Structures are given as C-alpha cells and as structure tokens.
Amino acid sequence: MPNLIDQIIALFKGQPPAPPPPQEARDPDATVPLPDLPAIKMPMAAPPVDEGSARRLTIGVAQDVGRVRNHNEDVLLYFTAELAGLEPMPHFGLFIVADGMGGHSLGERASGVAARTIAQTVLESILPSLLADPRADTDRPALKEVMEKAMEVANRKVHEAVPEGGTTATCALSLGEQVIFSHVGDSRAYIITDSSFEQATRDHSLVQRLVELGQLSPAEAAVHHQKNVLYKALGQGDGLEVDVDSRRLPPGAKLLLCSDGLWNLVPDEKIEAIIRGTPSLQGACEEMVDAANAAGGPDNITAVIIQLPR
C-alpha cells in the first residue's frame, strides 16, 4: 500500500489534460459583457474551522468570476496539516494564488499548471522530513530554496505546456511562526498584525517599476492605461528571477493572498478595514469579493486569509 505522502503527491503526477478544441481567434484581453446577469459565484466552501481555537491555523477563502468575464483564470490551491499529541509538529500550510494570462483557455491552463507544479514540488521536498520521527537525525530542507525551486520548475512547465500563456503566482509556506513568500507577477500577499498592515510582495508591473524610478506617482500609476502590463510572469522562459522572502511573524498575525481582481478595485485602506472589522475570516473574504464586484468586477477575484495560532 502506498503511504500517505505518496498518495498526496500522486494527485499531481497524472498526465496533463488534453488541450481544449481550437477557439475562434480573439483578443486575449477581450472581455464579454454580461448585462443584467448577477455575478457568477464559484463554489468555494470554506474548510470547517473553529475560529475560536487559538492553537490552530484558521482560514477563509472566496473566489468569484466577477461581473464582466464569463470564465475564471484565477486558481487557488492550499494544503494544511497539523499533528497533535506527545510529539507534535509545527502547523504547516501551503497557499498558492495564480492569475493566468493569455486569453480564454490559455490563462486558465497556465495558472492551473503553475499551481499544481508548485504544490507537487513543495510537498515532495517538505512532507517526508516534516512527518519523520522527530528523534531521528533527518535532513531538513532549506525552505527558501524549496520555494524558489518550486517556482522555477513551474516556470519551465508553464512555458512547455502553454507557450502562448503565462501566469502570476504568489505563494506562502507557513511552518510554525515562519512564513516563506515566493512571488512572481502582480497577485499580492499582505501581512496584518495588531499594529500594522503591510504589502509583503512587490508588483512586477510596468507602472510599479516606473513608480520605483520616480517617473510616475502612485496616483498616476493607479489610473495608467498600462497598469496591468507585467514584465515578469511564470512561463516567460529562461532567466526568471523569483522574489523569495522569509519572515518570522508574531502569534495571531494574518496573511492575505489575493489576485489583482481584488486589490485593483478595493483600496488597501478598505481591505484593512474589512479584515479588522469582520468577526470571521470567511466573512471578511466574502465581503472583500462583494466590494470588488460592487466596484464593477471587471476581473476574476480571489482571496484567502490565514491566521496564525496565538
């Protein structure tokens, strides 16, 4: 019988699905207006968590196709694990948000390939040592190297599988009080503590680069006609540089991972107010999605909030 680790990893080792039938040529960035139709809700039931438990990771998730597009290029994939008892292990969580590019089918395929590849690479590298006998002399992988490698493998896989597509990817690996972020593109990760609200990732967009060079103000960047143009994404081929950062967070800190369908429509100040003012993480995610749709919902919207144990 295969062990638990092999069974989990085997989920990612199937043959890639057959490519979709040819589509009529279209503008990759074209959208399909859907007047008089309600937003299409994606079935994203949150995991059953006890938010009153101070010793566990708690999670909220929400995803919506938005009010304009008729397909979803966002992918959210996450795993959590805990071992309680005489020899407990640190809580473990892997969270991935990917936002595909390249038009209908290409973007969906790119984000799916990326998320599955990242998860497979990370789980293969970390789970065996995490579940090993704590009294044994087991080699522990360097977490930053694991996360960087996972993104590099995903970059290659996306380039091979979807040569005309690409995707952002923002990932957080939580192990005890340590969080490792790996990031490419303009999906985002935020850190929320009792006293601070911080964007933990840097947008790899043309306008952000111009802001950093002093050629645009943040206000000008927010309305620039090229604000969604990226200079870095998974699938671009060789030479990709991945942002990787390790942080040690205080007990009870929260993480938000989201696609640009949220932060492009809902200002940071409102995101922070929703998270701080909503009793449950799930409720906060749903309220943020509703706020993005109320602002027009031109893009797919994905949000996941993670709270570390206190």
C-alpha atoms as a PDB file:
ATOM      1  CA  MET A   1       0.000   0.000   0.000  1.00  0.00           C
ATOM      2  CA  PRO A   2       1.371   3.487  -0.819  1.00  0.00           C
ATOM      3  CA  ASN A   3       1.896   5.662   2.217  1.00  0.00           C
ATOM      4  CA  LEU A   4       0.018   8.905   2.835  1.00  0.00           C
ATOM      5  CA  ILE A   5       2.733  11.094   1.369  1.00  0.00           C
ATOM      6  CA  ASP A   6       2.871   9.038  -1.842  1.00  0.00           C
ATOM      7  CA  GLN A   7      -0.918   9.220  -2.180  1.00  0.00           C
ATOM      8  CA  ILE A   8      -0.939  13.016  -1.831  1.00  0.00           C
ATOM      9  CA  ILE A   9       1.940  13.519  -4.258  1.00  0.00           C
ATOM     10  CA  ALA A  10       0.378  11.066  -6.744  1.00  0.00           C
ATOM     11  CA  LEU A  11      -2.508  13.502  -7.187  1.00  0.00           C
ATOM     12  CA  PHE A  12      -0.138  15.775  -9.094  1.00  0.00           C
ATOM     13  CA  LYS A  13       1.554  13.151 -11.288  1.00  0.00           C
ATOM     14  CA  GLY A  14      -1.230  12.405 -13.765  1.00  0.00           C
ATOM     15  CA  GLN A  15      -0.893  13.130 -17.447  1.00  0.00           C
ATOM     16  CA  PRO A  16      -1.777  16.726 -18.310  1.00  0.00           C
ATOM     17  CA  PRO A  17      -5.310  17.078 -19.678  1.00  0.00           C
ATOM     18  CA  ALA A  18      -5.745  17.195 -23.424  1.00  0.00           C
ATOM     19  CA  PRO A  19      -5.662  20.700 -24.879  1.00  0.00           C
ATOM     20  CA  PRO A  20      -9.059  22.283 -25.484  1.00  0.00           C
ATOM     21  CA  PRO A  21     -10.511  22.353 -29.002  1.00  0.00           C
ATOM     22  CA  PRO A  22      -9.407  25.279 -31.157  1.00  0.00           C
ATOM     23  CA  GLN A  23     -11.148  28.519 -30.307  1.00  0.00           C
ATOM     24  CA  GLU A  24     -12.083  31.302 -32.657  1.00  0.00           C
ATOM     25  CA  ALA A  25      -9.322  33.918 -32.733  1.00  0.00           C
ATOM     26  CA  ARG A  26      -9.941  36.685 -30.252  1.00  0.00           C
ATOM     27  CA  ASP A  27      -8.220  39.499 -28.465  1.00  0.00           C
ATOM     28  CA  PRO A  28      -6.523  37.853 -25.418  1.00  0.00           C
ATOM     29  CA  ASP A  29      -7.627  40.726 -23.214  1.00  0.00           C
ATOM     30  CA  ALA A  30     -11.154  40.928 -24.573  1.00  0.00           C
ATOM     31  CA  THR A  31     -13.992  40.668 -22.109  1.00  0.00           C
ATOM     32  CA  VAL A  32     -17.559  39.572 -22.613  1.00  0.00           C
ATOM     33  CA  PRO A  33     -20.088  41.953 -21.040  1.00  0.00           C
ATOM     34  CA  LEU A  34     -22.921  40.219 -19.274  1.00  0.00           C
ATOM     35  CA  PRO A  35     -25.582  42.896 -18.736  1.00  0.00           C
ATOM     36  CA  ASP A  36     -28.473  42.182 -16.421  1.00  0.00           C
ATOM     37  CA  LEU A  37     -26.866  38.996 -15.099  1.00  0.00           C
ATOM     38  CA  PRO A  38     -25.793  38.509 -11.484  1.00  0.00           C
ATOM     39  CA  ALA A  39     -22.189  37.719 -10.664  1.00  0.00           C
ATOM     40  CA  ILE A  40     -21.371  34.051 -11.212  1.00  0.00           C
ATOM     41  CA  LYS A  41     -20.387  32.636  -7.847  1.00  0.00           C
ATOM     42  CA  MET A  42     -17.728  29.956  -7.804  1.00  0.00           C
ATOM     43  CA  PRO A  43     -18.417  27.147  -5.292  1.00  0.00           C
ATOM     44  CA  MET A  44     -15.667  27.825  -2.753  1.00  0.00           C
ATOM     45  CA  ALA A  45     -16.901  26.352   0.504  1.00  0.00           C
ATOM     46  CA  ALA A  46     -14.515  27.249   3.318  1.00  0.00           C
ATOM     47  CA  PRO A  47     -12.930  24.459   5.341  1.00  0.00           C
ATOM     48  CA  PRO A  48     -14.707  23.739   8.614  1.00  0.00           C
ATOM     49  CA  VAL A  49     -12.508  25.559  11.095  1.00  0.00           C
ATOM     50  CA  ASP A  50     -13.075  26.642  14.664  1.00  0.00           C
ATOM     51  CA  GLU A  51     -12.108  30.298  14.683  1.00  0.00           C
ATOM     52  CA  GLY A  52     -12.273  30.294  18.459  1.00  0.00           C
ATOM     53  CA  SER A  53      -9.378  27.861  18.632  1.00  0.00           C
ATOM     54  CA  ALA A  54      -6.212  29.824  19.428  1.00  0.00           C
ATOM     55  CA  ARG A  55      -3.842  26.941  18.691  1.00  0.00           C
ATOM     56  CA  ARG A  56      -4.676  26.226  15.054  1.00  0.00           C
ATOM     57  CA  LEU A  57      -4.340  27.833  11.650  1.00  0.00           C
ATOM     58  CA  THR A  58      -7.678  29.345  10.671  1.00  0.00           C
ATOM     59  CA  ILE A  59      -8.602  30.073   7.071  1.00  0.00           C
ATOM     60  CA  GLY A  60     -11.179  31.920   4.987  1.00  0.00           C
ATOM     61  CA  VAL A  61     -11.488  31.683   1.189  1.00  0.00           C
ATOM     62  CA  ALA A  62     -13.616  33.282  -1.507  1.00  0.00           C
ATOM     63  CA  GLN A  63     -13.493  33.377  -5.289  1.00  0.00           C
ATOM     64  CA  ASP A  64     -15.754  34.891  -7.934  1.00  0.00           C
ATOM     65  CA  VAL A  65     -15.630  35.214 -11.708  1.00  0.00           C
ATOM     66  CA  GLY A  66     -16.638  38.883 -11.463  1.00  0.00           C
ATOM     67  CA  ARG A  67     -19.339  40.835 -13.281  1.00  0.00           C
ATOM     68  CA  VAL A  68     -17.800  41.084 -16.767  1.00  0.00           C
ATOM     69  CA  ARG A  69     -15.818  37.967 -17.650  1.00  0.00           C
ATOM     70  CA  ASN A  70     -17.507  34.658 -18.364  1.00  0.00           C
ATOM     71  CA  HIS A  71     -14.582  32.407 -17.408  1.00  0.00           C
ATOM     72  CA  ASN A  72     -12.177  32.125 -14.491  1.00  0.00           C
ATOM     73  CA  GLU A  73      -8.405  32.321 -14.949  1.00  0.00           C
ATOM     74  CA  ASP A  74      -7.646  32.514 -11.208  1.00  0.00           C
ATOM     75  CA  VAL A  75      -6.527  29.424  -9.299  1.00  0.00           C
ATOM     76  CA  LEU A  76      -6.424  28.972  -5.530  1.00  0.00           C
ATOM     77  CA  LEU A  77      -4.730  25.869  -4.122  1.00  0.00           C
ATOM     78  CA  TYR A  78      -3.853  25.216  -0.483  1.00  0.00           C
ATOM     79  CA  PHE A  79      -2.863  22.435   1.910  1.00  0.00           C
ATOM     80  CA  THR A  80      -2.727  22.461   5.688  1.00  0.00           C
ATOM     81  CA  ALA A  81      -1.539  19.853   8.173  1.00  0.00           C
ATOM     82  CA  GLU A  82      -1.161  19.514  11.908  1.00  0.00           C
ATOM     83  CA  LEU A  83      -0.055  16.752  14.256  1.00  0.00           C
ATOM     84  CA  ALA A  84      -1.128  16.930  17.877  1.00  0.00           C
ATOM     85  CA  GLY A  85      -0.084  14.584  20.642  1.00  0.00           C
ATOM     86  CA  LEU A  86       3.045  13.664  22.533  1.00  0.00           C
ATOM     87  CA  GLU A  87       5.379  14.739  19.695  1.00  0.00           C
ATOM     88  CA  PRO A  88       3.526  17.497  17.818  1.00  0.00           C
ATOM     89  CA  MET A  89       4.925  19.079  14.685  1.00  0.00           C
ATOM     90  CA  PRO A  90       4.664  22.787  13.832  1.00  0.00           C
ATOM     91  CA  HIS A  91       1.494  23.656  11.952  1.00  0.00           C
ATOM     92  CA  PHE A  92       2.023  23.517   8.189  1.00  0.00           C
ATOM     93  CA  GLY A  93       0.267  25.426   5.442  1.00  0.00           C
ATOM     94  CA  LEU A  94       0.950  25.983   1.747  1.00  0.00           C
ATOM     95  CA  PHE A  95      -1.139  28.616  -0.041  1.00  0.00           C
ATOM     96  CA  ILE A  96      -0.981  29.478  -3.757  1.00  0.00           C
ATOM     97  CA  VAL A  97      -2.844  32.132  -5.762  1.00  0.00           C
ATOM     98  CA  ALA A  98      -2.219  32.221  -9.524  1.00  0.00           C
ATOM     99  CA  ASP A  99      -3.818  34.524 -12.103  1.00  0.00           C
ATOM    100  CA  GLY A 100      -3.469  33.292 -15.679  1.00  0.00           C
ATOM    101  CA  MET A 101      -2.857  35.428 -18.767  1.00  0.00           C
ATOM    102  CA  GLY A 102      -3.223  34.830 -22.467  1.00  0.00           C
ATOM    103  CA  GLY A 103      -6.952  34.785 -23.033  1.00  0.00           C
ATOM    104  CA  HIS A 104      -9.655  32.163 -22.552  1.00  0.00           C
ATOM    105  CA  SER A 105      -8.229  28.615 -22.095  1.00  0.00           C
ATOM    106  CA  LEU A 106      -4.588  29.756 -22.234  1.00  0.00           C
ATOM    107  CA  GLY A 107      -4.766  31.684 -18.967  1.00  0.00           C
ATOM    108  CA  GLU A 108      -6.818  29.004 -17.236  1.00  0.00           C
ATOM    109  CA  ARG A 109      -4.362  26.313 -18.301  1.00  0.00           C
ATOM    110  CA  ALA A 110      -1.271  28.329 -17.328  1.00  0.00           C
ATOM    111  CA  SER A 111      -2.482  29.103 -13.801  1.00  0.00           C
ATOM    112  CA  GLY A 112      -3.569  25.504 -13.242  1.00  0.00           C
ATOM    113  CA  VAL A 113      -0.241  24.049 -14.402  1.00  0.00           C
ATOM    114  CA  ALA A 114       1.656  26.508 -12.209  1.00  0.00           C
ATOM    115  CA  ALA A 115      -0.322  25.875  -9.024  1.00  0.00           C
ATOM    116  CA  ARG A 116      -0.188  22.089  -9.348  1.00  0.00           C
ATOM    117  CA  THR A 117       3.535  22.098 -10.136  1.00  0.00           C
ATOM    118  CA  ILE A 118       4.402  24.372  -7.214  1.00  0.00           C
ATOM    119  CA  ALA A 119       2.382  22.244  -4.804  1.00  0.00           C
ATOM    120  CA  GLN A 120       3.875  18.988  -6.075  1.00  0.00           C
ATOM    121  CA  THR A 121       7.442  20.270  -5.782  1.00  0.00           C
ATOM    122  CA  VAL A 122       6.958  21.701  -2.293  1.00  0.00           C
ATOM    123  CA  LEU A 123       5.134  18.656  -0.915  1.00  0.00           C
ATOM    124  CA  GLU A 124       7.726  16.251  -2.300  1.00  0.00           C
ATOM    125  CA  SER A 125      10.500  18.270  -0.671  1.00  0.00           C
ATOM    126  CA  ILE A 126       8.982  19.045   2.729  1.00  0.00           C
ATOM    127  CA  LEU A 127       6.420  16.429   3.758  1.00  0.00           C
ATOM    128  CA  PRO A 128       8.842  13.496   4.221  1.00  0.00           C
ATOM    129  CA  SER A 129      11.045  15.398   6.682  1.00  0.00           C
ATOM    130  CA  LEU A 130       8.049  17.019   8.375  1.00  0.00           C
ATOM    131  CA  LEU A 131       6.486  13.634   9.116  1.00  0.00           C
ATOM    132  CA  ALA A 132       9.735  11.875  10.029  1.00  0.00           C
ATOM    133  CA  ASP A 133      10.423  10.700  13.588  1.00  0.00           C
ATOM    134  CA  PRO A 134      11.461  13.896  15.420  1.00  0.00           C
ATOM    135  CA  ARG A 135      14.086  11.888  17.344  1.00  0.00           C
ATOM    136  CA  ALA A 136      15.752  10.736  14.122  1.00  0.00           C
ATOM    137  CA  ASP A 137      18.627  12.602  12.507  1.00  0.00           C
ATOM    138  CA  THR A 138      16.614  13.756   9.489  1.00  0.00           C
ATOM    139  CA  ASP A 139      17.906  16.290   6.994  1.00  0.00           C
ATOM    140  CA  ARG A 140      15.617  19.312   6.854  1.00  0.00           C
ATOM    141  CA  PRO A 141      15.392  21.124   3.508  1.00  0.00           C
ATOM    142  CA  ALA A 142      16.123  24.847   3.293  1.00  0.00           C
ATOM    143  CA  LEU A 143      12.642  26.334   2.923  1.00  0.00           C
ATOM    144  CA  LYS A 144      13.642  29.364   0.850  1.00  0.00           C
ATOM    145  CA  GLU A 145      15.467  27.111  -1.606  1.00  0.00           C
ATOM    146  CA  VAL A 146      12.442  24.809  -1.831  1.00  0.00           C
ATOM    147  CA  MET A 147      10.089  27.679  -2.614  1.00  0.00           C
ATOM    148  CA  GLU A 148      12.440  29.194  -5.183  1.00  0.00           C
ATOM    149  CA  LYS A 149      12.941  25.827  -6.887  1.00  0.00           C
ATOM    150  CA  ALA A 150       9.180  25.219  -6.993  1.00  0.00           C
ATOM    151  CA  MET A 151       8.630  28.488  -8.850  1.00  0.00           C
ATOM    152  CA  GLU A 152      11.470  27.772 -11.277  1.00  0.00           C
ATOM    153  CA  VAL A 153      10.044  24.320 -12.065  1.00  0.00           C
ATOM    154  CA  ALA A 154       6.593  25.853 -12.547  1.00  0.00           C
ATOM    155  CA  ASN A 155       8.034  28.493 -14.886  1.00  0.00           C
ATOM    156  CA  ARG A 156       9.508  25.770 -17.073  1.00  0.00           C
ATOM    157  CA  LYS A 157       6.349  23.636 -17.011  1.00  0.00           C
ATOM    158  CA  VAL A 158       4.108  26.554 -17.970  1.00  0.00           C
ATOM    159  CA  HIS A 159       6.463  27.532 -20.796  1.00  0.00           C
ATOM    160  CA  GLU A 160       6.366  23.960 -22.131  1.00  0.00           C
ATOM    161  CA  ALA A 161       2.629  23.362 -21.703  1.00  0.00           C
ATOM    162  CA  VAL A 162       1.256  26.806 -22.598  1.00  0.00           C
ATOM    163  CA  PRO A 163       3.895  28.596 -24.702  1.00  0.00           C
ATOM    164  CA  GLU A 164       1.499  31.452 -25.546  1.00  0.00           C
ATOM    165  CA  GLY A 165       0.241  31.858 -21.985  1.00  0.00           C
ATOM    166  CA  GLY A 166       1.600  32.929 -18.635  1.00  0.00           C
ATOM    167  CA  THR A 167       0.542  33.399 -15.049  1.00  0.00           C
ATOM    168  CA  THR A 168       1.286  35.217 -11.855  1.00  0.00           C
ATOM    169  CA  ALA A 169       1.952  33.164  -8.723  1.00  0.00           C
ATOM    170  CA  THR A 170       2.026  34.297  -5.117  1.00  0.00           C
ATOM    171  CA  CYS A 171       2.745  31.619  -2.530  1.00  0.00           C
ATOM    172  CA  ALA A 172       3.065  31.441   1.237  1.00  0.00           C
ATOM    173  CA  LEU A 173       4.531  28.500   3.130  1.00  0.00           C
ATOM    174  CA  SER A 174       3.681  28.647   6.830  1.00  0.00           C
ATOM    175  CA  LEU A 175       5.627  26.474   9.264  1.00  0.00           C
ATOM    176  CA  GLY A 176       5.279  27.418  12.904  1.00  0.00           C
ATOM    177  CA  GLU A 177       5.936  31.159  13.198  1.00  0.00           C
ATOM    178  CA  GLN A 178       7.984  31.245   9.989  1.00  0.00           C
ATOM    179  CA  VAL A 179       6.407  32.216   6.663  1.00  0.00           C
ATOM    180  CA  ILE A 180       8.219  31.945   3.330  1.00  0.00           C
ATOM    181  CA  PHE A 181       6.813  34.020   0.459  1.00  0.00           C
ATOM    182  CA  SER A 182       7.628  33.298  -3.180  1.00  0.00           C
ATOM    183  CA  HIS A 183       6.230  35.600  -5.797  1.00  0.00           C
ATOM    184  CA  VAL A 184       6.154  36.476  -9.500  1.00  0.00           C
ATOM    185  CA  GLY A 185       3.704  38.913 -11.096  1.00  0.00           C
ATOM    186  CA  ASP A 186       1.090  41.178  -9.555  1.00  0.00           C
ATOM    187  CA  SER A 187      -1.014  38.967  -7.358  1.00  0.00           C
ATOM    188  CA  ARG A 188      -0.258  40.058  -3.799  1.00  0.00           C
ATOM    189  CA  ALA A 189       0.426  38.949  -0.235  1.00  0.00           C
ATOM    190  CA  TYR A 190      -0.270  41.175   2.761  1.00  0.00           C
ATOM    191  CA  ILE A 191       0.688  40.811   6.423  1.00  0.00           C
ATOM    192  CA  ILE A 192      -1.760  42.088   9.040  1.00  0.00           C
ATOM    193  CA  THR A 193      -0.785  42.328  12.703  1.00  0.00           C
ATOM    194  CA  ASP A 194      -2.451  44.110  15.615  1.00  0.00           C
ATOM    195  CA  SER A 195      -0.499  47.272  14.790  1.00  0.00           C
ATOM    196  CA  SER A 196       0.339  47.095  11.069  1.00  0.00           C
ATOM    197  CA  PHE A 197      -0.952  46.400   7.560  1.00  0.00           C
ATOM    198  CA  GLU A 198       1.841  45.684   5.076  1.00  0.00           C
ATOM    199  CA  GLN A 199       2.083  44.614   1.446  1.00  0.00           C
ATOM    200  CA  ALA A 200       4.624  41.801   1.631  1.00  0.00           C
ATOM    201  CA  THR A 201       5.171  41.388  -2.130  1.00  0.00           C
ATOM    202  CA  ARG A 202       6.277  43.766  -4.877  1.00  0.00           C
ATOM    203  CA  ASP A 203       4.244  44.070  -8.077  1.00  0.00           C
ATOM    204  CA  HIS A 204       6.222  43.103 -11.173  1.00  0.00           C
ATOM    205  CA  SER A 205       4.299  45.546 -13.353  1.00  0.00           C
ATOM    206  CA  LEU A 206       5.475  48.246 -15.726  1.00  0.00           C
ATOM    207  CA  VAL A 207       3.814  51.052 -13.779  1.00  0.00           C
ATOM    208  CA  GLN A 208       5.244  49.882 -10.448  1.00  0.00           C
ATOM    209  CA  ARG A 209       8.704  49.921 -11.986  1.00  0.00           C
ATOM    210  CA  LEU A 210       8.099  53.462 -13.230  1.00  0.00           C
ATOM    211  CA  VAL A 211       6.987  54.468  -9.728  1.00  0.00           C
ATOM    212  CA  GLU A 212      10.196  52.999  -8.296  1.00  0.00           C
ATOM    213  CA  LEU A 213      12.221  55.003 -10.859  1.00  0.00           C
ATOM    214  CA  GLY A 214      10.387  58.196  -9.922  1.00  0.00           C
ATOM    215  CA  GLN A 215       8.754  58.568 -13.337  1.00  0.00           C
ATOM    216  CA  LEU A 216       5.196  58.048 -12.089  1.00  0.00           C
ATOM    217  CA  SER A 217       3.426  58.865  -8.850  1.00  0.00           C
ATOM    218  CA  PRO A 218       1.347  56.141  -7.152  1.00  0.00           C
ATOM    219  CA  ALA A 219      -1.793  58.112  -8.029  1.00  0.00           C
ATOM    220  CA  GLU A 220      -0.775  58.264 -11.709  1.00  0.00           C
ATOM    221  CA  ALA A 221       0.084  54.559 -11.716  1.00  0.00           C
ATOM    222  CA  ALA A 222      -3.363  53.668 -10.371  1.00  0.00           C
ATOM    223  CA  VAL A 223      -5.067  55.071 -13.496  1.00  0.00           C
ATOM    224  CA  HIS A 224      -2.349  54.405 -16.077  1.00  0.00           C
ATOM    225  CA  HIS A 225      -3.563  52.673 -19.249  1.00  0.00           C
ATOM    226  CA  GLN A 226      -0.738  50.095 -18.953  1.00  0.00           C
ATOM    227  CA  LYS A 227      -1.179  49.348 -15.262  1.00  0.00           C
ATOM    228  CA  ASN A 228      -1.860  45.648 -15.961  1.00  0.00           C
ATOM    229  CA  VAL A 229       1.240  45.098 -18.124  1.00  0.00           C
ATOM    230  CA  LEU A 230       3.730  42.768 -16.389  1.00  0.00           C
ATOM    231  CA  TYR A 231       7.452  42.487 -17.019  1.00  0.00           C
ATOM    232  CA  LYS A 232       7.737  39.237 -15.087  1.00  0.00           C
ATOM    233  CA  ALA A 233       5.483  36.143 -15.041  1.00  0.00           C
ATOM    234  CA  LEU A 234       5.707  32.360 -14.903  1.00  0.00           C
ATOM    235  CA  GLY A 235       6.035  30.917 -18.402  1.00  0.00           C
ATOM    236  CA  GLN A 236       8.384  33.579 -19.789  1.00  0.00           C
ATOM    237  CA  GLY A 237      11.240  31.105 -20.298  1.00  0.00           C
ATOM    238  CA  ASP A 238      14.815  31.078 -19.038  1.00  0.00           C
ATOM    239  CA  GLY A 239      16.239  33.756 -16.802  1.00  0.00           C
ATOM    240  CA  LEU A 240      13.270  34.267 -14.499  1.00  0.00           C
ATOM    241  CA  GLU A 241      14.170  35.784 -11.124  1.00  0.00           C
ATOM    242  CA  VAL A 242      11.808  34.837  -8.310  1.00  0.00           C
ATOM    243  CA  ASP A 243      11.191  37.026  -5.259  1.00  0.00           C
ATOM    244  CA  VAL A 244      11.621  34.906  -2.109  1.00  0.00           C
ATOM    245  CA  ASP A 245      11.391  36.267   1.419  1.00  0.00           C
ATOM    246  CA  SER A 246      11.398  34.680   4.871  1.00  0.00           C
ATOM    247  CA  ARG A 247       9.549  36.330   7.744  1.00  0.00           C
ATOM    248  CA  ARG A 248       9.002  35.427  11.372  1.00  0.00           C
ATOM    249  CA  LEU A 249       5.559  36.672  12.349  1.00  0.00           C
ATOM    250  CA  PRO A 250       4.012  37.313  15.751  1.00  0.00           C
ATOM    251  CA  PRO A 251       1.358  34.920  17.100  1.00  0.00           C
ATOM    252  CA  GLY A 252      -2.079  35.693  15.705  1.00  0.00           C
ATOM    253  CA  ALA A 253      -0.794  37.523  12.623  1.00  0.00           C
ATOM    254  CA  LYS A 254      -2.923  37.272   9.488  1.00  0.00           C
ATOM    255  CA  LEU A 255      -1.896  36.775   5.859  1.00  0.00           C
ATOM    256  CA  LEU A 256      -3.965  37.800   2.845  1.00  0.00           C
ATOM    257  CA  LEU A 257      -3.184  36.389  -0.608  1.00  0.00           C
ATOM    258  CA  CYS A 258      -5.243  37.803  -3.454  1.00  0.00           C
ATOM    259  CA  SER A 259      -5.364  38.360  -7.197  1.00  0.00           C
ATOM    260  CA  ASP A 260      -5.403  41.807  -8.784  1.00  0.00           C
ATOM    261  CA  GLY A 261      -9.139  41.458  -9.287  1.00  0.00           C
ATOM    262  CA  LEU A 262      -9.385  42.414  -5.614  1.00  0.00           C
ATOM    263  CA  TRP A 263      -6.666  44.971  -4.914  1.00  0.00           C
ATOM    264  CA  ASN A 264      -7.127  46.781  -8.234  1.00  0.00           C
ATOM    265  CA  LEU A 265     -10.735  47.578  -7.279  1.00  0.00           C
ATOM    266  CA  VAL A 266     -10.657  47.811  -3.480  1.00  0.00           C
ATOM    267  CA  PRO A 267      -8.150  50.233  -1.891  1.00  0.00           C
ATOM    268  CA  ASP A 268      -5.776  48.900   0.759  1.00  0.00           C
ATOM    269  CA  GLU A 269      -7.471  51.049   3.388  1.00  0.00           C
ATOM    270  CA  LYS A 270     -10.811  49.377   2.731  1.00  0.00           C
ATOM    271  CA  ILE A 271      -9.262  45.889   2.606  1.00  0.00           C
ATOM    272  CA  GLU A 272      -7.696  46.516   6.004  1.00  0.00           C
ATOM    273  CA  ALA A 273     -10.954  47.874   7.430  1.00  0.00           C
ATOM    274  CA  ILE A 274     -12.886  44.821   6.233  1.00  0.00           C
ATOM    275  CA  ILE A 275     -10.382  42.365   7.692  1.00  0.00           C
ATOM    276  CA  ARG A 276     -10.194  44.157  11.037  1.00  0.00           C
ATOM    277  CA  GLY A 277     -13.906  44.815  11.254  1.00  0.00           C
ATOM    278  CA  THR A 278     -15.325  41.435  10.255  1.00  0.00           C
ATOM    279  CA  PRO A 279     -15.623  38.803  13.009  1.00  0.00           C
ATOM    280  CA  SER A 280     -14.773  35.789  10.827  1.00  0.00           C
ATOM    281  CA  LEU A 281     -12.081  35.251   8.199  1.00  0.00           C
ATOM    282  CA  GLN A 282     -14.615  33.673   5.857  1.00  0.00           C
ATOM    283  CA  GLY A 283     -16.927  36.638   6.235  1.00  0.00           C
ATOM    284  CA  ALA A 284     -14.059  39.033   5.507  1.00  0.00           C
ATOM    285  CA  CYS A 285     -13.160  37.189   2.289  1.00  0.00           C
ATOM    286  CA  GLU A 286     -16.757  37.240   1.093  1.00  0.00           C
ATOM    287  CA  GLU A 287     -17.132  40.931   1.951  1.00  0.00           C
ATOM    288  CA  MET A 288     -13.961  41.812   0.002  1.00  0.00           C
ATOM    289  CA  VAL A 289     -15.230  39.929  -3.051  1.00  0.00           C
ATOM    290  CA  ASP A 290     -18.569  41.730  -2.773  1.00  0.00           C
ATOM    291  CA  ALA A 291     -16.716  45.068  -2.579  1.00  0.00           C
ATOM    292  CA  ALA A 292     -14.741  44.295  -5.769  1.00  0.00           C
ATOM    293  CA  ASN A 293     -17.943  43.353  -7.577  1.00  0.00           C
ATOM    294  CA  ALA A 294     -19.663  46.496  -6.310  1.00  0.00           C
ATOM    295  CA  ALA A 295     -16.799  48.476  -7.879  1.00  0.00           C
ATOM    296  CA  GLY A 296     -17.545  46.919 -11.271  1.00  0.00           C
ATOM    297  CA  GLY A 297     -15.973  43.462 -11.007  1.00  0.00           C
ATOM    298  CA  PRO A 298     -14.108  43.606 -14.351  1.00  0.00           C
ATOM    299  CA  ASP A 299     -11.777  40.724 -13.435  1.00  0.00           C
ATOM    300  CA  ASN A 300     -11.795  37.411 -11.583  1.00  0.00           C
ATOM    301  CA  ILE A 301     -11.461  37.830  -7.815  1.00  0.00           C
ATOM    302  CA  THR A 302      -9.648  35.508  -5.401  1.00  0.00           C
ATOM    303  CA  ALA A 303      -8.857  35.990  -1.715  1.00  0.00           C
ATOM    304  CA  VAL A 304      -7.593  33.731   1.067  1.00  0.00           C
ATOM    305  CA  ILE A 305      -6.909  34.864   4.638  1.00  0.00           C
ATOM    306  CA  ILE A 306      -4.791  32.783   7.020  1.00  0.00           C
ATOM    307  CA  GLN A 307      -4.446  33.492  10.734  1.00  0.00           C
ATOM    308  CA  LEU A 308      -1.524  32.012  12.646  1.00  0.00           C
ATOM    309  CA  PRO A 309      -2.167  30.459  16.048  1.00  0.00           C
ATOM    310  CA  ARG A 310      -1.947  32.766  19.060  1.00  0.00           C
END
